Amino acid sequence: MTTKNWKEGKHYIAYTPELDIASQGKTPEQAERRLREAVDIFLEETKKMGTFDQALQSLGISRKQRRLVMPRISLSELEVRV
């Protein structure tokens, strides 16, 4: 899974575009730990609700045997003149 991290004000943000889930923390490590927790909760809850495969499919994620195959994500910076 791809993780993008950045600082916003006094907090650090950790984001995974494949699942469109973000979290924040006072340190980069805390933000990433909280992101892992949010991803775990997302996966557990979709399994409990019986929507796991549907949720993965809507995100462009497929399953091959017991592995998840994530879509290819390209992250780059774009400069804009203001």
PDB file of N, CA and C in Angstrom:
ATOM      1  N   MET A   1       0.838  -1.162   0.000  1.00  0.00           N
ATOM      2  CA  MET A   1       0.000   0.000   0.000  1.00  0.00           C
ATOM      3  C   MET A   1       0.897   1.243   0.000  1.00  0.00           C
ATOM      4  N   THR A   2       0.458   2.257  -0.711  1.00  0.00           N
ATOM      5  CA  THR A   2       1.194   3.514  -0.780  1.00  0.00           C
ATOM      6  C   THR A   2       0.789   4.402   0.390  1.00  0.00           C
ATOM      7  N   THR A   3       1.755   5.057   0.996  1.00  0.00           N
ATOM      8  CA  THR A   3       1.460   6.003   2.063  1.00  0.00           C
ATOM      9  C   THR A   3       2.121   7.332   1.732  1.00  0.00           C
ATOM     10  N   LYS A   4       1.344   8.390   1.802  1.00  0.00           N
ATOM     11  CA  LYS A   4       1.876   9.738   1.598  1.00  0.00           C
ATOM     12  C   LYS A   4       1.792  10.443   2.938  1.00  0.00           C
ATOM     13  N   ASN A   5       2.875  11.095   3.324  1.00  0.00           N
ATOM     14  CA  ASN A   5       2.955  11.785   4.610  1.00  0.00           C
ATOM     15  C   ASN A   5       3.303  13.249   4.383  1.00  0.00           C
ATOM     16  N   TRP A   6       2.699  14.123   5.179  1.00  0.00           N
ATOM     17  CA  TRP A   6       3.037  15.531   5.123  1.00  0.00           C
ATOM     18  C   TRP A   6       2.654  16.206   6.431  1.00  0.00           C
ATOM     19  N   LYS A   7       3.187  17.404   6.614  1.00  0.00           N
ATOM     20  CA  LYS A   7       2.883  18.168   7.822  1.00  0.00           C
ATOM     21  C   LYS A   7       1.861  19.236   7.461  1.00  0.00           C
ATOM     22  N   GLU A   8       0.855  19.352   8.319  1.00  0.00           N
ATOM     23  CA  GLU A   8      -0.193  20.350   8.136  1.00  0.00           C
ATOM     24  C   GLU A   8      -0.374  21.066   9.468  1.00  0.00           C
ATOM     25  N   GLY A   9       0.104  22.291   9.548  1.00  0.00           N
ATOM     26  CA  GLY A   9       0.076  23.007  10.824  1.00  0.00           C
ATOM     27  C   GLY A   9       0.983  22.309  11.821  1.00  0.00           C
ATOM     28  N   LYS A  10       0.437  21.948  12.990  1.00  0.00           N
ATOM     29  CA  LYS A  10       1.215  21.267  14.025  1.00  0.00           C
ATOM     30  C   LYS A  10       1.115  19.753  13.932  1.00  0.00           C
ATOM     31  N   HIS A  11       0.337  19.230  12.979  1.00  0.00           N
ATOM     32  CA  HIS A  11       0.108  17.786  12.888  1.00  0.00           C
ATOM     33  C   HIS A  11       0.707  17.194  11.619  1.00  0.00           C
ATOM     34  N   TYR A  12       0.973  15.910  11.694  1.00  0.00           N
ATOM     35  CA  TYR A  12       1.424  15.148  10.539  1.00  0.00           C
ATOM     36  C   TYR A  12       0.250  14.316  10.039  1.00  0.00           C
ATOM     37  N   ILE A  13       0.142  14.221   8.723  1.00  0.00           N
ATOM     38  CA  ILE A  13      -0.930  13.470   8.087  1.00  0.00           C
ATOM     39  C   ILE A  13      -0.308  12.266   7.396  1.00  0.00           C
ATOM     40  N   ALA A  14      -0.956  11.121   7.538  1.00  0.00           N
ATOM     41  CA  ALA A  14      -0.575   9.908   6.804  1.00  0.00           C
ATOM     42  C   ALA A  14      -1.803   9.492   6.010  1.00  0.00           C
ATOM     43  N   TYR A  15      -1.617   9.229   4.709  1.00  0.00           N
ATOM     44  CA  TYR A  15      -2.732   8.967   3.802  1.00  0.00           C
ATOM     45  C   TYR A  15      -2.399   7.808   2.883  1.00  0.00           C
ATOM     46  N   THR A  16      -3.371   6.933   2.668  1.00  0.00           N
ATOM     47  CA  THR A  16      -3.198   5.868   1.692  1.00  0.00           C
ATOM     48  C   THR A  16      -4.241   6.045   0.587  1.00  0.00           C
ATOM     49  N   PRO A  17      -3.801   6.383  -0.622  1.00  0.00           N
ATOM     50  CA  PRO A  17      -4.753   6.638  -1.705  1.00  0.00           C
ATOM     51  C   PRO A  17      -5.515   5.392  -2.160  1.00  0.00           C
ATOM     52  N   GLU A  18      -4.920   4.224  -2.016  1.00  0.00           N
ATOM     53  CA  GLU A  18      -5.620   3.011  -2.453  1.00  0.00           C
ATOM     54  C   GLU A  18      -6.931   2.807  -1.698  1.00  0.00           C
ATOM     55  N   LEU A  19      -6.939   3.134  -0.415  1.00  0.00           N
ATOM     56  CA  LEU A  19      -8.143   2.964   0.398  1.00  0.00           C
ATOM     57  C   LEU A  19      -8.824   4.297   0.690  1.00  0.00           C
ATOM     58  N   ASP A  20      -8.197   5.394   0.314  1.00  0.00           N
ATOM     59  CA  ASP A  20      -8.701   6.738   0.577  1.00  0.00           C
ATOM     60  C   ASP A  20      -8.959   6.936   2.072  1.00  0.00           C
ATOM     61  N   ILE A  21      -7.966   6.548   2.870  1.00  0.00           N
ATOM     62  CA  ILE A  21      -8.045   6.673   4.324  1.00  0.00           C
ATOM     63  C   ILE A  21      -6.866   7.528   4.784  1.00  0.00           C
ATOM     64  N   ALA A  22      -7.150   8.438   5.721  1.00  0.00           N
ATOM     65  CA  ALA A  22      -6.102   9.304   6.264  1.00  0.00           C
ATOM     66  C   ALA A  22      -6.205   9.324   7.777  1.00  0.00           C
ATOM     67  N   SER A  23      -5.097   9.696   8.406  1.00  0.00           N
ATOM     68  CA  SER A  23      -5.053   9.855   9.845  1.00  0.00           C
ATOM     69  C   SER A  23      -4.038  10.935  10.161  1.00  0.00           C
ATOM     70  N   GLN A  24      -4.046  11.390  11.405  1.00  0.00           N
ATOM     71  CA  GLN A  24      -3.082  12.413  11.788  1.00  0.00           C
ATOM     72  C   GLN A  24      -2.489  12.100  13.150  1.00  0.00           C
ATOM     73  N   GLY A  25      -1.364  12.743  13.438  1.00  0.00           N
ATOM     74  CA  GLY A  25      -0.712  12.576  14.730  1.00  0.00           C
ATOM     75  C   GLY A  25       0.249  13.718  14.984  1.00  0.00           C
ATOM     76  N   LYS A  26       0.783  13.744  16.189  1.00  0.00           N
ATOM     77  CA  LYS A  26       1.728  14.799  16.553  1.00  0.00           C
ATOM     78  C   LYS A  26       3.110  14.547  15.962  1.00  0.00           C
ATOM     79  N   THR A  27       3.387  13.288  15.585  1.00  0.00           N
ATOM     80  CA  THR A  27       4.644  12.921  14.948  1.00  0.00           C
ATOM     81  C   THR A  27       4.322  12.096  13.694  1.00  0.00           C
ATOM     82  N   PRO A  28       5.263  11.984  12.761  1.00  0.00           N
ATOM     83  CA  PRO A  28       5.012  11.147  11.586  1.00  0.00           C
ATOM     84  C   PRO A  28       4.731   9.689  11.982  1.00  0.00           C
ATOM     85  N   GLU A  29       5.438   9.209  12.998  1.00  0.00           N
ATOM     86  CA  GLU A  29       5.252   7.826  13.445  1.00  0.00           C
ATOM     87  C   GLU A  29       3.850   7.607  14.022  1.00  0.00           C
ATOM     88  N   GLN A  30       3.379   8.572  14.794  1.00  0.00           N
ATOM     89  CA  GLN A  30       2.041   8.462  15.369  1.00  0.00           C
ATOM     90  C   GLN A  30       0.977   8.502  14.268  1.00  0.00           C
ATOM     91  N   ALA A  31       1.168   9.356  13.290  1.00  0.00           N
ATOM     92  CA  ALA A  31       0.217   9.438  12.179  1.00  0.00           C
ATOM     93  C   ALA A  31       0.161   8.114  11.421  1.00  0.00           C
ATOM     94  N   GLU A  32       1.318   7.501  11.159  1.00  0.00           N
ATOM     95  CA  GLU A  32       1.347   6.218  10.450  1.00  0.00           C
ATOM     96  C   GLU A  32       0.763   5.099  11.298  1.00  0.00           C
ATOM     97  N   ARG A  33       1.021   5.096  12.596  1.00  0.00           N
ATOM     98  CA  ARG A  33       0.440   4.077  13.477  1.00  0.00           C
ATOM     99  C   ARG A  33      -1.089   4.189  13.477  1.00  0.00           C
ATOM    100  N   ARG A  34      -1.572   5.404  13.553  1.00  0.00           N
ATOM    101  CA  ARG A  34      -3.019   5.615  13.528  1.00  0.00           C
ATOM    102  C   ARG A  34      -3.619   5.250  12.171  1.00  0.00           C
ATOM    103  N   LEU A  35      -2.861   5.473  11.109  1.00  0.00           N
ATOM    104  CA  LEU A  35      -3.340   5.069   9.782  1.00  0.00           C
ATOM    105  C   LEU A  35      -3.481   3.556   9.712  1.00  0.00           C
ATOM    106  N   ARG A  36      -2.478   2.823  10.218  1.00  0.00           N
ATOM    107  CA  ARG A  36      -2.566   1.353  10.237  1.00  0.00           C
ATOM    108  C   ARG A  36      -3.798   0.895  11.009  1.00  0.00           C
ATOM    109  N   GLU A  37      -4.054   1.553  12.156  1.00  0.00           N
ATOM    110  CA  GLU A  37      -5.229   1.215  12.959  1.00  0.00           C
ATOM    111  C   GLU A  37      -6.519   1.480  12.174  1.00  0.00           C
ATOM    112  N   ALA A  38      -6.581   2.612  11.469  1.00  0.00           N
ATOM    113  CA  ALA A  38      -7.770   2.947  10.686  1.00  0.00           C
ATOM    114  C   ALA A  38      -7.988   1.949   9.556  1.00  0.00           C
ATOM    115  N   VAL A  39      -6.909   1.522   8.902  1.00  0.00           N
ATOM    116  CA  VAL A  39      -7.015   0.524   7.843  1.00  0.00           C
ATOM    117  C   VAL A  39      -7.501  -0.802   8.421  1.00  0.00           C
ATOM    118  N   ASP A  40      -6.939  -1.218   9.552  1.00  0.00           N
ATOM    119  CA  ASP A  40      -7.391  -2.461  10.203  1.00  0.00           C
ATOM    120  C   ASP A  40      -8.873  -2.402  10.538  1.00  0.00           C
ATOM    121  N   ILE A  41      -9.320  -1.277  11.086  1.00  0.00           N
ATOM    122  CA  ILE A  41     -10.736  -1.126  11.438  1.00  0.00           C
ATOM    123  C   ILE A  41     -11.604  -1.191  10.181  1.00  0.00           C
ATOM    124  N   PHE A  42     -11.179  -0.508   9.114  1.00  0.00           N
ATOM    125  CA  PHE A  42     -11.927  -0.535   7.863  1.00  0.00           C
ATOM    126  C   PHE A  42     -12.089  -1.970   7.358  1.00  0.00           C
ATOM    127  N   LEU A  43     -10.989  -2.709   7.327  1.00  0.00           N
ATOM    128  CA  LEU A  43     -11.040  -4.091   6.824  1.00  0.00           C
ATOM    129  C   LEU A  43     -11.891  -4.988   7.723  1.00  0.00           C
ATOM    130  N   GLU A  44     -11.729  -4.860   9.028  1.00  0.00           N
ATOM    131  CA  GLU A  44     -12.527  -5.667   9.968  1.00  0.00           C
ATOM    132  C   GLU A  44     -14.016  -5.375   9.835  1.00  0.00           C
ATOM    133  N   GLU A  45     -14.372  -4.106   9.757  1.00  0.00           N
ATOM    134  CA  GLU A  45     -15.783  -3.731   9.683  1.00  0.00           C
ATOM    135  C   GLU A  45     -16.430  -4.177   8.381  1.00  0.00           C
ATOM    136  N   THR A  46     -15.716  -4.051   7.262  1.00  0.00           N
ATOM    137  CA  THR A  46     -16.310  -4.506   6.002  1.00  0.00           C
ATOM    138  C   THR A  46     -16.488  -6.025   6.006  1.00  0.00           C
ATOM    139  N   LYS A  47     -15.586  -6.741   6.666  1.00  0.00           N
ATOM    140  CA  LYS A  47     -15.754  -8.191   6.791  1.00  0.00           C
ATOM    141  C   LYS A  47     -16.977  -8.512   7.642  1.00  0.00           C
ATOM    142  N   LYS A  48     -17.139  -7.810   8.774  1.00  0.00           N
ATOM    143  CA  LYS A  48     -18.290  -8.037   9.656  1.00  0.00           C
ATOM    144  C   LYS A  48     -19.607  -7.759   8.931  1.00  0.00           C
ATOM    145  N   MET A  49     -19.629  -6.700   8.114  1.00  0.00           N
ATOM    146  CA  MET A  49     -20.855  -6.309   7.420  1.00  0.00           C
ATOM    147  C   MET A  49     -21.115  -7.143   6.172  1.00  0.00           C
ATOM    148  N   GLY A  50     -20.132  -7.966   5.779  1.00  0.00           N
ATOM    149  CA  GLY A  50     -20.286  -8.780   4.576  1.00  0.00           C
ATOM    150  C   GLY A  50     -20.085  -8.001   3.287  1.00  0.00           C
ATOM    151  N   THR A  51     -19.414  -6.845   3.373  1.00  0.00           N
ATOM    152  CA  THR A  51     -19.197  -6.011   2.187  1.00  0.00           C
ATOM    153  C   THR A  51     -17.721  -5.922   1.801  1.00  0.00           C
ATOM    154  N   PHE A  52     -16.909  -6.818   2.327  1.00  0.00           N
ATOM    155  CA  PHE A  52     -15.463  -6.769   2.105  1.00  0.00           C
ATOM    156  C   PHE A  52     -15.118  -6.797   0.620  1.00  0.00           C
ATOM    157  N   ASP A  53     -15.606  -7.812  -0.099  1.00  0.00           N
ATOM    158  CA  ASP A  53     -15.273  -7.929  -1.527  1.00  0.00           C
ATOM    159  C   ASP A  53     -15.823  -6.756  -2.324  1.00  0.00           C
ATOM    160  N   GLN A  54     -17.026  -6.306  -1.997  1.00  0.00           N
ATOM    161  CA  GLN A  54     -17.633  -5.171  -2.686  1.00  0.00           C
ATOM    162  C   GLN A  54     -16.814  -3.895  -2.440  1.00  0.00           C
ATOM    163  N   ALA A  55     -16.364  -3.687  -1.206  1.00  0.00           N
ATOM    164  CA  ALA A  55     -15.550  -2.507  -0.876  1.00  0.00           C
ATOM    165  C   ALA A  55     -14.233  -2.538  -1.639  1.00  0.00           C
ATOM    166  N   LEU A  56     -13.594  -3.701  -1.681  1.00  0.00           N
ATOM    167  CA  LEU A  56     -12.328  -3.812  -2.414  1.00  0.00           C
ATOM    168  C   LEU A  56     -12.535  -3.532  -3.899  1.00  0.00           C
ATOM    169  N   GLN A  57     -13.582  -4.105  -4.453  1.00  0.00           N
ATOM    170  CA  GLN A  57     -13.859  -3.922  -5.876  1.00  0.00           C
ATOM    171  C   GLN A  57     -14.099  -2.443  -6.193  1.00  0.00           C
ATOM    172  N   SER A  58     -14.833  -1.742  -5.340  1.00  0.00           N
ATOM    173  CA  SER A  58     -15.108  -0.324  -5.586  1.00  0.00           C
ATOM    174  C   SER A  58     -13.837   0.527  -5.525  1.00  0.00           C
ATOM    175  N   LEU A  59     -12.819   0.034  -4.829  1.00  0.00           N
ATOM    176  CA  LEU A  59     -11.539   0.734  -4.722  1.00  0.00           C
ATOM    177  C   LEU A  59     -10.537   0.296  -5.786  1.00  0.00           C
ATOM    178  N   GLY A  60     -10.938  -0.631  -6.647  1.00  0.00           N
ATOM    179  CA  GLY A  60     -10.040  -1.122  -7.691  1.00  0.00           C
ATOM    180  C   GLY A  60      -9.055  -2.155  -7.200  1.00  0.00           C
ATOM    181  N   ILE A  61      -9.348  -2.782  -6.059  1.00  0.00           N
ATOM    182  CA  ILE A  61      -8.465  -3.787  -5.472  1.00  0.00           C
ATOM    183  C   ILE A  61      -9.029  -5.162  -5.798  1.00  0.00           C
ATOM    184  N   SER A  62      -8.165  -6.060  -6.235  1.00  0.00           N
ATOM    185  CA  SER A  62      -8.608  -7.424  -6.535  1.00  0.00           C
ATOM    186  C   SER A  62      -7.924  -8.402  -5.593  1.00  0.00           C
ATOM    187  N   ARG A  63      -8.462  -9.619  -5.575  1.00  0.00           N
ATOM    188  CA  ARG A  63      -7.862 -10.667  -4.736  1.00  0.00           C
ATOM    189  C   ARG A  63      -7.378 -11.786  -5.639  1.00  0.00           C
ATOM    190  N   LYS A  64      -6.156 -12.211  -5.382  1.00  0.00           N
ATOM    191  CA  LYS A  64      -5.589 -13.382  -6.059  1.00  0.00           C
ATOM    192  C   LYS A  64      -5.173 -14.327  -4.959  1.00  0.00           C
ATOM    193  N   GLN A  65      -5.875 -15.422  -4.883  1.00  0.00           N
ATOM    194  CA  GLN A  65      -5.717 -16.384  -3.802  1.00  0.00           C
ATOM    195  C   GLN A  65      -5.951 -15.659  -2.489  1.00  0.00           C
ATOM    196  N   ARG A  66      -4.995 -15.587  -1.612  1.00  0.00           N
ATOM    197  CA  ARG A  66      -5.190 -14.924  -0.314  1.00  0.00           C
ATOM    198  C   ARG A  66      -4.474 -13.578  -0.239  1.00  0.00           C
ATOM    199  N   ARG A  67      -4.082 -13.043  -1.404  1.00  0.00           N
ATOM    200  CA  ARG A  67      -3.363 -11.762  -1.436  1.00  0.00           C
ATOM    201  C   ARG A  67      -4.223 -10.680  -2.076  1.00  0.00           C
ATOM    202  N   LEU A  68      -4.078  -9.468  -1.576  1.00  0.00           N
ATOM    203  CA  LEU A  68      -4.757  -8.327  -2.179  1.00  0.00           C
ATOM    204  C   LEU A  68      -3.832  -7.704  -3.220  1.00  0.00           C
ATOM    205  N   VAL A  69      -4.378  -7.396  -4.378  1.00  0.00           N
ATOM    206  CA  VAL A  69      -3.613  -6.757  -5.445  1.00  0.00           C
ATOM    207  C   VAL A  69      -4.108  -5.317  -5.557  1.00  0.00           C
ATOM    208  N   MET A  70      -3.255  -4.395  -5.168  1.00  0.00           N
ATOM    209  CA  MET A  70      -3.602  -2.980  -5.152  1.00  0.00           C
ATOM    210  C   MET A  70      -3.464  -2.382  -6.542  1.00  0.00           C
ATOM    211  N   PRO A  71      -4.271  -1.357  -6.841  1.00  0.00           N
ATOM    212  CA  PRO A  71      -4.098  -0.661  -8.118  1.00  0.00           C
ATOM    213  C   PRO A  71      -2.786   0.103  -8.098  1.00  0.00           C
ATOM    214  N   ARG A  72      -2.223   0.328  -9.271  1.00  0.00           N
ATOM    215  CA  ARG A  72      -0.985   1.099  -9.348  1.00  0.00           C
ATOM    216  C   ARG A  72      -1.321   2.575  -9.167  1.00  0.00           C
ATOM    217  N   ILE A  73      -0.663   3.189  -8.199  1.00  0.00           N
ATOM    218  CA  ILE A  73      -0.876   4.596  -7.885  1.00  0.00           C
ATOM    219  C   ILE A  73       0.421   5.350  -8.148  1.00  0.00           C
ATOM    220  N   SER A  74       0.314   6.461  -8.831  1.00  0.00           N
ATOM    221  CA  SER A  74       1.478   7.295  -9.081  1.00  0.00           C
ATOM    222  C   SER A  74       1.293   8.608  -8.332  1.00  0.00           C
ATOM    223  N   LEU A  75       2.228   8.926  -7.466  1.00  0.00           N
ATOM    224  CA  LEU A  75       2.188  10.187  -6.728  1.00  0.00           C
ATOM    225  C   LEU A  75       3.297  11.088  -7.235  1.00  0.00           C
ATOM    226  N   SER A  76       2.941  12.305  -7.556  1.00  0.00           N
ATOM    227  CA  SER A  76       3.950  13.260  -7.978  1.00  0.00           C
ATOM    228  C   SER A  76       3.514  14.645  -7.531  1.00  0.00           C
ATOM    229  N   GLU A  77       4.443  15.562  -7.568  1.00  0.00           N
ATOM    230  CA  GLU A  77       4.137  16.938  -7.197  1.00  0.00           C
ATOM    231  C   GLU A  77       3.863  17.739  -8.450  1.00  0.00           C
ATOM    232  N   LEU A  78       2.953  18.674  -8.318  1.00  0.00           N
ATOM    233  CA  LEU A  78       2.584  19.521  -9.431  1.00  0.00           C
ATOM    234  C   LEU A  78       2.796  20.971  -9.017  1.00  0.00           C
ATOM    235  N   GLU A  79       3.577  21.689  -9.775  1.00  0.00           N
ATOM    236  CA  GLU A  79       3.789  23.098  -9.466  1.00  0.00           C
ATOM    237  C   GLU A  79       2.737  23.928 -10.181  1.00  0.00           C
ATOM    238  N   VAL A  80       2.188  24.888  -9.429  1.00  0.00           N
ATOM    239  CA  VAL A  80       1.174  25.766  -9.981  1.00  0.00           C
ATOM    240  C   VAL A  80       1.577  27.208  -9.701  1.00  0.00           C
ATOM    241  N   ARG A  81       1.467  28.049 -10.658  1.00  0.00           N
ATOM    242  CA  ARG A  81       1.792  29.467 -10.458  1.00  0.00           C
ATOM    243  C   ARG A  81       0.566  30.176  -9.905  1.00  0.00           C
ATOM    244  N   VAL A  82       0.791  30.997  -8.901  1.00  0.00           N
ATOM    245  CA  VAL A  82      -0.314  31.793  -8.329  1.00  0.00           C
ATOM    246  C   VAL A  82       0.023  33.255  -8.324  1.00  0.00           C
TER     247      VAL A  82
END
